[in-house]
Every structure is written in structure tokens, then in C-alpha cells.
Protein backbone atom coordinates (compact mmCIF):
# COMPACT_ATOMS: atom_id res chain seq x y z
CA MET A 1 5.14 15.68 -8.24
CA ALA A 2 8.33 15.66 -10.30
CA SER A 3 10.64 12.88 -9.15
CA ASP A 4 14.43 12.90 -9.02
CA LYS A 5 14.27 9.08 -9.41
CA PRO A 6 11.53 8.50 -11.98
CA ILE A 7 12.41 5.00 -13.20
CA ILE A 8 10.58 2.00 -11.73
CA VAL A 9 12.02 -1.30 -12.93
CA ALA A 10 9.38 -4.01 -13.33
CA LEU A 11 10.57 -7.33 -11.91
CA ASP A 12 8.45 -9.52 -14.17
CA PHE A 13 9.78 -12.85 -12.94
CA SER A 14 8.09 -15.96 -11.55
CA GLU A 15 10.75 -16.85 -8.97
CA ALA A 16 12.78 -15.04 -6.33
CA ALA A 17 16.26 -16.01 -7.58
CA PRO A 18 16.25 -14.12 -10.90
CA ALA A 19 14.45 -11.16 -9.31
CA LEU A 20 17.03 -10.85 -6.56
CA ALA A 21 19.87 -11.42 -9.02
CA LEU A 22 18.58 -8.61 -11.23
CA ALA A 23 18.13 -6.32 -8.23
CA GLY A 24 21.72 -7.06 -7.28
CA GLN A 25 22.84 -5.62 -10.62
CA LEU A 26 20.93 -2.36 -10.14
CA ASP A 27 21.42 0.64 -7.87
CA PRO A 28 18.63 1.75 -5.47
CA GLN A 29 19.92 5.30 -5.79
CA HIS A 30 18.86 5.31 -9.43
CA CYS A 31 15.61 3.35 -9.56
CA ARG A 32 12.76 1.78 -7.66
CA LEU A 33 11.38 -1.74 -8.21
CA LYS A 34 7.93 -3.04 -9.07
CA VAL A 35 6.69 -6.40 -7.79
CA GLY A 36 3.61 -7.65 -9.61
CA LYS A 37 1.09 -10.45 -9.29
CA GLU A 38 3.20 -13.31 -10.65
CA LEU A 39 6.24 -12.67 -8.51
CA PHE A 40 4.26 -11.85 -5.37
CA THR A 41 2.05 -14.93 -5.76
CA SER A 42 5.15 -17.09 -6.11
CA CYS A 43 7.28 -15.55 -3.37
CA GLY A 44 5.03 -13.51 -1.09
CA PRO A 45 6.03 -10.73 1.33
CA SER A 46 9.46 -12.23 2.01
CA LEU A 47 10.62 -11.24 -1.47
CA VAL A 48 9.45 -7.66 -0.95
CA GLU A 49 11.26 -7.54 2.39
CA ALA A 50 14.45 -8.88 0.78
CA LEU A 51 14.36 -6.17 -1.88
CA MET A 52 13.82 -3.46 0.72
CA LYS A 53 16.80 -4.80 2.70
CA GLN A 54 18.88 -4.16 -0.41
CA GLY A 55 17.81 -0.51 -0.16
CA PHE A 56 15.09 -0.46 -2.81
CA GLU A 57 11.72 1.25 -2.52
CA VAL A 58 9.05 -1.14 -3.78
CA PHE A 59 5.91 -0.52 -5.79
CA LEU A 60 3.56 -3.41 -4.94
CA ASP A 61 1.57 -3.73 -8.15
CA LEU A 62 -1.33 -6.02 -7.23
CA LYS A 63 -4.17 -3.84 -8.58
CA PHE A 64 -6.60 -4.57 -5.76
CA HIS A 65 -10.24 -4.66 -6.86
CA ASP A 66 -12.83 -6.13 -4.50
CA ILE A 67 -15.44 -5.07 -1.97
CA PRO A 68 -14.36 -1.98 0.04
CA ASN A 69 -13.53 -3.81 3.28
CA THR A 70 -11.35 -6.40 1.55
CA VAL A 71 -9.39 -3.79 -0.40
CA ALA A 72 -9.00 -1.61 2.68
CA ARG A 73 -7.47 -4.50 4.63
CA ALA A 74 -5.17 -5.41 1.73
CA CYS A 75 -3.91 -1.83 1.45
CA HIS A 76 -3.38 -1.62 5.20
CA THR A 77 -1.37 -4.86 5.12
CA ALA A 78 0.75 -3.56 2.24
CA ALA A 79 1.44 -0.36 4.16
CA ALA A 80 2.48 -2.36 7.22
CA LEU A 81 4.91 -4.27 5.02
CA GLY A 82 6.62 -0.96 4.28
CA VAL A 83 6.12 -0.66 0.53
CA TRP A 84 6.59 2.71 -1.16
CA MET A 85 3.59 2.49 -3.49
CA VAL A 86 0.49 0.31 -3.77
CA ASN A 87 -2.33 0.35 -6.30
CA VAL A 88 -6.02 -0.37 -6.69
CA HIS A 89 -8.34 -0.32 -9.69
CA ALA A 90 -9.98 3.06 -10.24
CA SER A 91 -13.31 1.52 -11.21
CA GLY A 92 -14.11 0.58 -7.63
CA GLY A 93 -16.38 3.38 -6.41
CA ARG A 94 -16.59 3.39 -2.60
CA MET A 95 -13.63 1.01 -2.62
CA LEU A 96 -11.32 3.95 -3.41
CA GLU A 97 -12.40 5.87 -0.33
CA ALA A 98 -12.06 2.76 1.85
CA ALA A 99 -8.53 2.21 0.55
CA ARG A 100 -7.60 5.81 1.33
CA GLU A 101 -9.09 5.63 4.84
CA SER A 102 -7.20 2.40 5.59
CA LEU A 103 -3.87 4.26 5.33
CA SER A 104 -4.81 7.16 7.59
CA THR A 105 -3.19 5.64 10.68
CA PHE A 106 0.28 5.41 9.15
CA THR A 107 2.82 8.16 9.74
CA ARG A 108 4.39 7.49 6.34
CA PRO A 109 1.79 5.67 4.24
CA PRO A 110 2.65 4.38 0.77
CA LEU A 111 1.54 6.33 -2.25
CA LEU A 112 -1.92 5.06 -3.17
CA ILE A 113 -2.34 4.88 -6.94
CA ALA A 114 -5.38 3.89 -8.99
CA VAL A 115 -5.24 2.01 -12.29
CA THR A 116 -7.32 3.67 -15.00
CA ILE A 117 -7.22 1.82 -18.34
CA LEU A 118 -4.64 -0.91 -18.91
CA THR A 119 -2.13 0.02 -21.61
CA SER A 120 -2.75 -3.36 -23.28
CA LEU A 121 -6.33 -2.28 -24.11
CA GLY A 122 -7.18 -0.44 -27.31
CA ASP A 123 -10.40 1.41 -28.12
CA ASP A 124 -11.84 -1.61 -29.95
CA GLU A 125 -11.34 -3.88 -26.94
CA LEU A 126 -12.85 -1.30 -24.58
CA ALA A 127 -15.97 -1.26 -26.74
CA GLU A 128 -16.15 -5.06 -26.58
CA ILE A 129 -16.28 -5.01 -22.77
CA GLY A 130 -18.91 -2.27 -22.64
CA PHE A 131 -16.95 0.98 -22.20
CA ALA A 132 -18.39 3.98 -24.03
CA GLY A 133 -15.82 6.39 -25.46
CA ASN A 134 -12.16 5.88 -26.21
CA ALA A 135 -9.29 4.96 -23.89
CA ALA A 136 -8.34 8.57 -23.19
CA ASP A 137 -11.89 9.60 -22.27
CA ASN A 138 -12.26 6.72 -19.83
CA ALA A 139 -8.80 7.17 -18.32
CA ILE A 140 -9.41 10.85 -17.60
CA ARG A 141 -12.85 10.16 -16.14
CA LEU A 142 -11.43 7.52 -13.81
CA ALA A 143 -8.52 9.78 -12.86
CA GLN A 144 -10.93 12.56 -11.90
CA LEU A 145 -12.93 10.11 -9.78
CA SER A 146 -9.73 8.93 -8.10
CA GLN A 147 -8.65 12.47 -7.28
CA GLN A 148 -12.07 13.22 -5.79
CA CYS A 149 -11.66 10.17 -3.53
CA GLY A 150 -8.30 11.38 -2.21
CA ILE A 151 -6.11 8.98 -4.18
CA ASP A 152 -2.51 10.18 -4.70
CA GLY A 153 -2.39 9.51 -8.42
CA VAL A 154 -3.12 7.09 -11.22
CA VAL A 155 -1.48 4.57 -13.51
CA CYS A 156 -2.22 5.62 -17.06
CA SER A 157 -0.87 5.49 -20.57
CA SER A 158 1.62 8.20 -21.43
CA TYR A 159 -0.75 9.15 -24.25
CA GLU A 160 -3.24 10.45 -21.67
CA VAL A 161 -0.71 12.31 -19.52
CA SER A 162 -0.82 15.73 -21.17
CA LEU A 163 -4.62 15.84 -21.06
CA MET A 164 -4.62 14.79 -17.42
CA ARG A 165 -2.18 17.57 -16.56
CA GLN A 166 -4.67 20.01 -18.06
CA ARG A 167 -7.75 18.64 -16.28
CA LEU A 168 -6.47 17.49 -12.88
CA ALA A 169 -5.26 19.48 -9.88
CA PRO A 170 -1.50 20.07 -9.56
CA GLY A 171 0.51 17.51 -7.60
CA PHE A 172 -1.49 14.50 -8.77
CA CYS A 173 0.96 11.66 -9.43
CA LEU A 174 1.02 10.06 -12.89
CA VAL A 175 2.66 6.64 -13.27
CA THR A 176 3.10 5.41 -16.83
CA PRO A 177 3.81 1.85 -17.96
CA GLY A 178 4.26 0.99 -21.63
CA ILE A 179 7.59 2.84 -21.73
CA ARG A 180 9.99 1.71 -24.43
CA PRO A 181 13.35 3.35 -25.18
CA VAL A 182 14.11 4.12 -28.83
CA GLY A 183 14.76 0.86 -30.68
CA SER A 184 13.01 -1.41 -28.16
CA GLN A 185 10.31 -3.91 -29.10
CA GLN A 186 6.70 -3.00 -28.32
CA ASP A 187 5.94 -6.53 -26.99
CA ASP A 188 2.33 -6.87 -25.70
CA GLN A 189 1.78 -3.16 -25.05
CA ARG A 190 -0.56 -1.25 -27.36
CA ARG A 191 0.09 2.36 -26.34
CA VAL A 192 3.79 2.98 -25.76
CA MET A 193 6.13 5.99 -25.60
CA THR A 194 9.83 6.69 -25.08
CA PRO A 195 11.03 7.77 -21.60
CA LYS A 196 11.93 11.25 -22.85
CA LYS A 197 8.56 11.90 -24.48
CA ALA A 198 6.66 10.51 -21.48
CA LEU A 199 8.41 12.86 -19.06
CA GLN A 200 7.97 15.78 -21.43
CA ALA A 201 4.25 15.02 -21.50
CA GLY A 202 4.12 15.20 -17.70
CA SER A 203 4.70 11.70 -16.32
CA ASP A 204 6.16 11.46 -12.82
CA TYR A 205 7.23 7.82 -12.82
CA LEU A 206 8.11 5.49 -15.70
CA VAL A 207 7.56 1.74 -15.37
CA ILE A 208 10.14 -0.06 -17.51
CA GLY A 209 10.57 -3.82 -17.65
CA ARG A 210 12.14 -5.82 -20.44
CA PRO A 211 14.35 -3.05 -21.91
CA ILE A 212 16.24 -3.21 -18.59
CA THR A 213 15.58 -6.68 -17.19
CA ALA A 214 16.34 -8.49 -20.46
CA ALA A 215 19.42 -6.40 -21.27
CA ALA A 216 22.86 -7.99 -21.29
CA ASP A 217 23.92 -5.31 -18.82
CA PRO A 218 20.87 -4.08 -16.86
CA LEU A 219 22.78 -1.37 -14.99
CA GLN A 220 24.13 0.03 -18.26
CA ALA A 221 20.64 -0.09 -19.80
CA LEU A 222 19.35 1.86 -16.81
CA ALA A 223 22.18 4.36 -17.14
CA ASP A 224 21.45 4.82 -20.85
CA ILE A 225 17.81 5.58 -20.13
CA GLU A 226 18.79 8.01 -17.37
CA ALA A 227 21.16 9.76 -19.80
CA SER A 228 18.32 10.19 -22.29
CA ILE A 229 16.14 12.00 -19.75
CA VAL A 230 18.68 13.90 -17.63
CA LYS A 231 17.94 17.29 -19.20
CA ILE A 232 14.20 16.88 -18.63
CA ARG A 233 14.59 16.04 -14.95
């Protein structure tokens, strides 16, 4: 699922004004936008609608994880809002199938993506919370489960992408956060990779936040990242 617009800019803000101001400096022909828990909790669906009116496709990153019926209703509501992508946690069992079924009535449903292992978690922390095996083992196992349940793809670290391409059926969408251009700070991410290397490994979409949103010129920062990956695309 190679994309001609692989960059998803993470709007990690707590209020609508800076999010809309940042969006106003970007070009929907060159990126999509991600709205996460903090921004959505603060502003709700109206912020998503405002971004879509500006021409942006929106990834609603709320990582639903609950009983199957609750997650199914949440995914259905997100689809009715018109978002481009929505996600759930992969460790939900029957919940994954319920989420998939909830979108079956839509002519153009959003991409349904499952979160495997958060990129902020290292192998030591996974062991502390009871996971056997390392991050890559668990991410691949959860990705295989997601594919079996009819999910469109997964959110995973770019470090697991090449292995997933080997073990999963073609066309499965891989979304990778923890992307940092050369020279950027790692911040709170543990497993990071440059945009070029992530796409070379097989990523479809790159979630990039602070290297763009905190830049003096966000549009130029976006253009610089695009220039670094143009030959790969």
C-alpha cells in the first residue's frame, strides 16, 4: 500500500487555536493530519470537522480499547464523522472483529488500523507488564492477529517493518510513529528512525510531530522531509 502522500503530521496540541494555526501553514496536498487524545478531548469532533473543511484527511488516533460493542460503536461514530483513518488496540481479541464489522455499512469506510506495541516501550518495560518476548516478537504476533481479523494495517515501530513485510500478506498497511529526521531530538520515543530509512524498510505512512510542528517554518520542514524521501516514493 505505497502512498504518494506518506507524511502524517501529528497535531499534539491541547487547544484548537494552535492546531488550526499550524494546519493553516501546511498544505493538504502534501500531508495528512493526526488528531490524538489530548486535542480531541479538549476540542471534540468540531476540530476534526474544521480540519477536514481545510481539505485535510484526518487520522483520528484515539486507540480504542474496550469491550467489543463499545469499540464497534466508537469506530462507527468516527466513520460517520468522515475521518480517513481510525485505530484500535491490537490486543483486543473479539474487539478487532467487532470494529471491522461496524464499518461494513459505509461505502468509503476509514482505514482501520491496530496499535501493536507503543514505540515508547522497550523490552525491559514489556517484561515488567507481563509480555513474554521482545518488542518485535510481540508486534509481529499482534499484527498477524490483526490481519486475521480483517484489519487494514497496524501502527508499529519502524524497526519491526521489514520483518512484518516478510511475514504478512501484501497490501497490509504499516503506519510508523517515532520518525525523526536527521539531526532531530529523540524526545520521549525509544525506537526511532529517519523518514528515508523507514520508507526503505517498508513503511506506508510516517507519523511526524515535533520536527514539523515545532519548526520555525513548518511548511519548509515538511518540504525538507519530502525532499529527503522523494526518490524512495
